[in-house]
Protein backbone atom coordinates (compact mmCIF):
# COMPACT_ATOMS: atom_id res chain seq x y z
CA UNK A 1 127.29 51.31 194.35
CA UNK A 2 124.63 51.43 191.68
CA UNK A 3 121.30 53.22 191.34
CA UNK A 4 118.02 51.82 190.12
CA UNK A 5 116.77 53.27 186.88
CA UNK A 6 113.78 54.90 188.56
CA UNK A 7 115.63 55.39 191.84
CA UNK A 8 113.24 53.49 194.05
CA UNK A 9 112.83 55.09 197.41
CA UNK A 10 111.93 53.32 200.61
CA UNK A 11 112.14 53.83 204.28
CA UNK A 12 112.24 51.85 207.48
CA UNK A 13 110.44 52.42 210.72
CA UNK A 14 111.29 51.73 214.30
CA UNK A 15 111.29 48.40 215.92
CA UNK A 16 112.56 46.93 219.14
CA UNK A 17 113.25 49.67 221.63
CA UNK A 18 114.31 52.43 219.22
CA UNK A 19 112.32 55.13 217.50
CA UNK A 20 113.21 56.79 214.24
CA UNK A 21 115.03 59.65 215.92
CA UNK A 22 116.81 57.36 218.37
CA UNK A 23 114.62 58.09 221.36
CA UNK A 24 113.99 55.16 223.68
CA UNK A 25 110.46 53.82 223.45
CA UNK A 26 108.26 53.24 226.44
CA UNK A 27 108.91 49.52 226.33
CA UNK A 28 105.19 48.76 226.31
CA UNK A 29 104.17 45.59 224.55
CA UNK A 30 103.26 46.39 220.93
CA UNK A 31 101.65 44.61 218.02
CA UNK A 32 100.95 45.31 214.35
CA UNK A 33 97.59 46.74 213.19
CA UNK A 34 96.45 46.85 209.58
CA UNK A 35 94.60 49.95 208.44
CA UNK A 36 93.40 51.95 205.46
CA UNK A 37 93.81 55.71 205.84
CA UNK A 38 91.94 56.98 202.74
CA UNK A 39 88.29 55.93 202.30
CA UNK A 40 85.27 57.54 200.67
CA UNK A 41 81.54 56.90 201.09
CA UNK A 42 80.19 58.79 198.07
CA UNK A 43 79.26 55.52 196.30
CA UNK A 44 78.49 53.33 199.30
CA UNK A 45 77.02 53.90 202.73
CA UNK A 46 79.59 54.35 205.53
CA UNK A 47 78.59 51.05 207.13
CA UNK A 48 79.17 49.21 203.83
CA UNK A 49 82.68 50.56 203.62
CA UNK A 50 83.44 49.89 207.26
CA UNK A 51 82.04 46.36 207.13
CA UNK A 52 84.13 45.51 204.08
CA UNK A 53 87.35 46.38 205.91
CA UNK A 54 86.33 44.69 209.13
CA UNK A 55 85.33 41.51 207.30
CA UNK A 56 88.66 41.48 205.43
CA UNK A 57 90.74 41.48 208.60
CA UNK A 58 91.66 45.16 208.87
CA UNK A 59 92.01 46.58 212.36
CA UNK A 60 91.23 50.23 211.65
CA UNK A 61 89.79 52.48 209.00
CA UNK A 62 89.82 56.26 208.48
CA UNK A 63 86.83 57.77 206.64
CA UNK A 64 88.03 60.70 204.54
CA UNK A 65 85.16 62.12 202.53
CA UNK A 66 85.86 65.22 200.45
CA UNK A 67 85.47 68.45 202.43
CA UNK A 68 83.07 66.87 204.92
CA UNK A 69 83.33 64.76 208.02
CA UNK A 70 81.32 61.57 208.08
CA UNK A 71 80.25 60.70 211.66
CA UNK A 72 81.88 57.56 212.99
CA UNK A 73 80.36 57.26 216.47
CA UNK A 74 77.39 55.29 215.21
CA UNK A 75 79.60 53.01 213.18
CA UNK A 76 81.82 52.27 216.16
CA UNK A 77 78.82 51.57 218.37
CA UNK A 78 77.91 48.73 216.00
CA UNK A 79 81.16 47.59 214.44
CA UNK A 80 84.03 48.44 216.77
CA UNK A 81 85.47 45.73 218.97
CA UNK A 82 88.34 46.08 221.50
CA UNK A 83 91.61 45.03 219.92
CA UNK A 84 89.87 44.02 216.69
CA UNK A 85 88.38 46.95 214.81
CA UNK A 86 88.03 50.74 215.05
CA UNK A 87 86.85 53.55 212.74
CA UNK A 88 88.63 56.91 212.96
CA UNK A 89 87.19 60.31 212.08
CA UNK A 90 88.82 61.97 209.07
CA UNK A 91 88.41 64.25 206.07
CA UNK A 92 89.96 65.02 202.69
CA UNK A 93 90.45 68.73 202.26
CA UNK A 94 90.43 69.44 198.55
CA UNK A 95 91.51 72.71 196.92
CA UNK A 96 92.32 73.73 193.36
CA UNK A 97 95.04 75.94 191.99
CA UNK A 98 95.47 76.53 188.25
CA UNK A 99 93.76 73.26 187.34
CA UNK A 100 95.76 71.26 189.88
CA UNK A 101 94.08 69.45 192.75
CA UNK A 102 95.69 70.07 196.13
CA UNK A 103 94.34 67.36 198.45
CA UNK A 104 95.21 66.77 202.10
CA UNK A 105 93.86 64.07 204.39
CA UNK A 106 93.19 64.62 208.07
CA UNK A 107 93.37 61.45 210.17
CA UNK A 108 91.89 61.02 213.63
CA UNK A 109 90.06 64.34 214.00
CA UNK A 110 88.46 65.25 217.30
CA UNK A 111 87.42 68.88 216.79
CA UNK A 112 85.77 71.02 214.14
CA UNK A 113 87.91 71.75 211.10
CA UNK A 114 88.05 74.94 209.12
CA UNK A 115 88.42 75.18 205.33
CA UNK A 116 92.00 76.01 204.37
CA UNK A 117 93.07 78.93 202.23
CA UNK A 118 96.16 80.40 200.56
CA UNK A 119 97.32 82.09 197.38
CA UNK A 120 100.05 79.57 196.47
CA UNK A 121 100.31 75.78 196.44
CA UNK A 122 102.57 75.77 199.50
CA UNK A 123 100.34 78.18 201.40
CA UNK A 124 97.33 76.00 200.64
CA UNK A 125 99.14 72.86 201.81
CA UNK A 126 100.37 74.43 205.04
CA UNK A 127 96.99 75.98 205.72
CA UNK A 128 95.32 72.59 205.36
CA UNK A 129 97.91 70.95 207.60
CA UNK A 130 97.38 73.53 210.33
CA UNK A 131 93.61 73.09 210.07
CA UNK A 132 93.99 69.33 210.54
CA UNK A 133 96.36 69.67 213.49
CA UNK A 134 94.10 72.24 215.16
CA UNK A 135 91.30 69.67 214.88
CA UNK A 136 93.43 67.06 216.61
CA UNK A 137 94.51 65.04 213.57
CA UNK A 138 97.55 64.16 211.49
CA UNK A 139 97.79 65.82 208.02
CA UNK A 140 98.83 63.74 204.99
CA UNK A 141 99.65 65.01 201.51
CA UNK A 142 97.53 62.92 199.15
CA UNK A 143 98.48 61.52 195.72
CA UNK A 144 100.97 64.25 194.66
CA UNK A 145 100.92 63.14 191.01
CA UNK A 146 97.14 63.46 190.58
CA UNK A 147 96.83 66.21 187.95
CA UNK A 148 100.63 66.37 188.35
CA UNK A 149 99.89 68.85 191.12
CA UNK A 150 102.87 68.74 193.47
CA UNK A 151 106.63 68.87 193.00
CA UNK A 152 109.52 67.99 195.29
CA UNK A 153 109.98 71.70 195.96
CA UNK A 154 106.30 72.08 196.97
CA UNK A 155 106.43 69.19 199.41
CA UNK A 156 109.81 70.22 200.83
CA UNK A 157 108.48 73.75 201.42
CA UNK A 158 105.27 72.44 203.04
CA UNK A 159 106.96 72.26 206.43
CA UNK A 160 103.76 71.50 208.35
CA UNK A 161 103.80 67.92 207.00
CA UNK A 162 105.70 64.74 207.87
CA UNK A 163 103.45 62.31 205.94
CA UNK A 164 102.47 61.81 202.33
CA UNK A 165 101.08 59.05 200.11
CA UNK A 166 103.89 57.27 198.36
CA UNK A 167 101.33 54.89 196.85
CA UNK A 168 97.67 55.59 196.17
CA UNK A 169 95.81 52.61 194.70
CA UNK A 170 93.00 54.48 192.97
CA UNK A 171 93.43 54.37 189.15
CA UNK A 172 94.81 57.55 187.61
CA UNK A 173 97.07 58.59 190.49
CA UNK A 174 100.27 58.27 188.38
CA UNK A 175 102.37 56.83 191.19
CA UNK A 176 105.11 55.72 188.79
CA UNK A 177 105.46 59.07 187.07
CA UNK A 178 106.27 59.35 183.37
CA UNK A 179 106.86 61.75 180.50
CA UNK A 180 109.59 63.56 182.38
CA UNK A 181 107.64 63.77 185.65
CA UNK A 182 109.08 61.89 188.65
CA UNK A 183 107.39 59.01 190.41
CA UNK A 184 106.07 59.51 193.93
CA UNK A 185 109.02 57.51 195.19
CA UNK A 186 111.49 59.77 193.37
CA UNK A 187 109.76 62.79 194.92
CA UNK A 188 110.06 61.12 198.32
CA UNK A 189 113.74 60.41 197.73
CA UNK A 190 114.43 63.99 196.73
CA UNK A 191 112.83 65.37 199.91
CA UNK A 192 114.64 62.87 202.12
CA UNK A 193 117.92 63.73 200.47
CA UNK A 194 117.49 67.29 201.78
CA UNK A 195 117.66 65.82 205.27
CA UNK A 196 113.94 66.33 205.89
CA UNK A 197 111.85 63.66 207.63
CA UNK A 198 108.94 62.46 205.48
CA UNK A 199 106.97 59.25 206.07
CA UNK A 200 105.28 57.37 203.26
CA UNK A 201 101.80 55.85 203.41
CA UNK A 202 100.05 53.47 201.03
CA UNK A 203 96.24 53.70 200.81
CA UNK A 204 93.29 52.48 198.78
CA UNK A 205 91.56 55.81 198.21
CA UNK A 206 88.55 53.53 197.93
CA UNK A 207 85.17 54.57 196.46
CA UNK A 208 83.76 51.46 194.82
CA UNK A 209 82.40 48.68 197.06
CA UNK A 210 79.61 47.28 194.87
CA UNK A 211 79.59 45.09 191.79
CA UNK A 212 82.54 43.38 190.16
CA UNK A 213 85.95 44.62 191.24
CA UNK A 214 88.04 46.01 188.42
CA UNK A 215 91.45 47.55 187.77
CA UNK A 216 89.54 50.59 186.52
CA UNK A 217 87.63 51.11 189.77
CA UNK A 218 88.69 52.52 193.13
CA UNK A 219 88.18 49.24 194.95
CA UNK A 220 89.30 48.43 198.53
CA UNK A 221 92.06 46.04 199.60
CA UNK A 222 94.92 47.14 197.37
CA UNK A 223 97.17 49.18 199.66
CA UNK A 224 97.42 49.80 203.39
CA UNK A 225 99.74 50.53 206.30
CA UNK A 226 100.87 48.25 209.14
CA UNK A 227 101.18 50.24 212.36
CA UNK A 228 103.13 49.12 215.41
CA UNK A 229 101.21 50.36 218.47
CA UNK A 230 100.66 49.41 222.10
CA UNK A 231 96.88 49.04 221.60
CA UNK A 232 94.09 49.55 219.12
CA UNK A 233 92.99 53.02 220.14
CA UNK A 234 92.86 56.36 218.36
CA UNK A 235 95.64 57.86 220.45
CA UNK A 236 97.98 54.85 220.25
CA UNK A 237 97.56 54.61 216.49
CA UNK A 238 98.08 58.34 215.89
CA UNK A 239 101.09 58.44 218.19
CA UNK A 240 102.70 55.56 216.28
CA UNK A 241 101.92 57.03 212.87
CA UNK A 242 103.20 60.43 213.95
CA UNK A 243 106.51 58.82 215.02
CA UNK A 244 106.82 56.82 211.81
CA UNK A 245 106.28 53.46 213.50
CA UNK A 246 104.64 51.84 210.51
CA UNK A 247 105.33 50.58 207.02
CA UNK A 248 103.33 50.84 203.82
CA UNK A 249 102.43 47.90 201.59
CA UNK A 250 100.44 46.60 198.65
CA UNK A 251 100.54 43.09 200.08
CA UNK A 252 103.94 42.18 201.54
CA UNK A 253 103.68 41.87 205.31
CA UNK A 254 106.68 41.29 207.59
CA UNK A 255 107.11 38.59 210.18
CA UNK A 256 109.49 40.88 212.06
CA UNK A 257 111.11 44.28 211.60
CA UNK A 258 113.98 45.54 213.73
CA UNK A 259 116.21 48.59 213.76
CA UNK A 260 119.21 49.00 216.06
CA UNK A 261 122.10 51.49 215.87
CA UNK A 262 124.02 48.76 214.05
CA UNK A 263 121.60 47.16 211.62
CA UNK A 264 118.24 46.99 209.94
CA UNK A 265 116.67 43.57 209.66
CA UNK A 266 113.40 42.33 208.13
CA UNK A 267 112.04 38.80 208.44
CA UNK A 268 109.76 37.83 205.54
CA UNK A 269 107.16 35.07 205.48
CA UNK A 270 107.73 31.75 203.75
CA UNK A 271 104.64 31.91 201.56
CA UNK A 272 103.72 29.26 199.07
CA UNK A 273 101.11 30.09 196.44
CA UNK A 274 99.40 26.79 195.78
CA UNK A 275 97.05 25.42 193.13
CA UNK A 276 94.78 22.43 193.31
CA UNK A 277 96.67 20.79 190.47
CA UNK A 278 100.14 21.44 191.86
CA UNK A 279 101.93 19.46 194.56
CA UNK A 280 102.29 21.38 197.87
CA UNK A 281 105.43 23.45 198.36
CA UNK A 282 106.46 23.75 194.72
CA UNK A 283 105.57 27.43 194.18
CA UNK A 284 107.22 29.50 196.91
CA UNK A 285 107.18 33.30 196.96
CA UNK A 286 110.60 34.94 196.49
CA UNK A 287 111.71 38.43 197.46
CA UNK A 288 114.15 41.13 196.51
CA UNK A 289 114.90 43.88 199.07
CA UNK A 290 116.59 47.16 198.11
CA UNK A 291 118.29 49.13 200.84
CA UNK A 292 118.50 52.70 199.58
CA UNK A 293 120.23 55.88 200.66
CA UNK A 294 120.72 59.49 199.71
CA UNK A 295 119.97 60.35 196.08
CA UNK A 296 118.27 57.05 195.46
CA UNK A 297 121.51 55.12 195.64
CA UNK A 298 121.07 51.39 196.08
CA UNK A 299 123.29 50.56 199.02
CA UNK A 300 122.59 46.82 198.99
CA UNK A 301 120.28 44.22 197.47
CA UNK A 302 119.24 41.20 199.55
CA UNK A 303 117.31 38.26 198.06
CA UNK A 304 116.86 36.26 201.25
CA UNK A 305 113.97 35.83 203.67
CA UNK A 306 115.94 37.82 206.26
CA UNK A 307 117.19 40.91 204.44
CA UNK A 308 119.69 42.77 206.62
CA UNK A 309 121.65 45.98 206.24
CA UNK A 310 124.64 46.84 208.43
CA UNK A 311 124.64 50.55 209.25
CA UNK A 312 127.98 52.36 208.95
CA UNK A 313 126.81 55.65 210.47
CA UNK A 314 127.90 57.56 207.36
CA UNK A 315 124.50 57.29 205.64
CA UNK A 316 122.18 60.27 205.64
CA UNK A 317 119.30 57.82 205.75
CA UNK A 318 118.54 54.22 204.82
CA UNK A 319 115.22 52.84 203.72
CA UNK A 320 114.05 49.63 202.15
CA UNK A 321 111.75 48.59 199.34
CA UNK A 322 110.70 44.95 199.52
CA UNK A 323 109.33 43.39 196.35
CA UNK A 324 107.86 39.91 196.08
CA UNK A 325 107.69 37.68 193.02
CA UNK A 326 104.00 38.42 192.48
CA UNK A 327 104.57 42.17 192.17
CA UNK A 328 103.57 43.22 195.68
CA UNK A 329 105.68 45.85 197.43
CA UNK A 330 106.35 47.10 200.97
CA UNK A 331 107.97 50.42 201.85
CA UNK A 332 109.53 51.15 205.23
CA UNK A 333 110.18 54.55 206.85
CA UNK A 334 113.55 56.37 206.75
CA UNK A 335 116.20 55.54 209.30
CA UNK A 336 118.62 58.38 209.99
CA UNK A 337 121.66 56.68 211.64
CA UNK A 338 122.89 59.82 213.35
CA UNK A 339 119.58 60.05 215.25
CA UNK A 340 119.74 56.51 216.58
CA UNK A 341 121.15 55.89 220.06
CA UNK A 342 122.10 52.80 222.01
């Protein structure tokens, strides 16, 4: 077996009939919902942000303004539509420790939230997570490499969390690491290799909705999650995210995703990027899928439209990173074979 130079980390979620831990699902009919979980309204009105996502075929949006909750009831009264679009209540709890920003998102809040506290980074993280859960939401560790704030040890010790941002699309988040600091995927891999469950989200962290879009701005539409849920409701979405029934992406979306006790299989779309001056069908998208295990080891590479990995049962976990030929990436959630059942 060989390892990627930067030890890409990826993870796979549940599919037909099986959850991550091997518990039988309810069997209810499910579908995929596209959503952004990190959105700010400091530069645009909440309705501007929500309309952008609705008009660009997202199914749900979480508003996460810094240390304040932006009301969503009014937005939903105008913009929500059954099965089509929903805005969830959220917040970004931001703290500082020695020049490092310690940020935690709360998704799907229903109650009042208190400001977290703590004398250490881990205490601050866990305090924020408890505040989010007490308010009815799911806590997410945001952009761990912003100000190079969080290490593998910090995240592993923050036991109140099961979710973090493996990819944050706002400029300056340092997702890829550098200068001796690990990438967010390497951090993820290190925590998973301890046997801890940690799910990875991708999010816009959007601020800029006006004017020309730029690589230097925090524009929308660059990263999201696809959630497999029984319906488009707050509870169904949160239940699925809490279980890890989703994948993260910067543009690659699956036709099908299935995990059984014997194999992991992904079906990818046959996309053709066309130009007016080029005959149809001559420019197909191609893919490379990495199935990865403990320590960032590449267990297999599959270049087909139906990447498949046969589980042996000896793996601590298996995850996948799917890259397409235009540079887009999808990350799945970790599959722990010993926790799967027939």
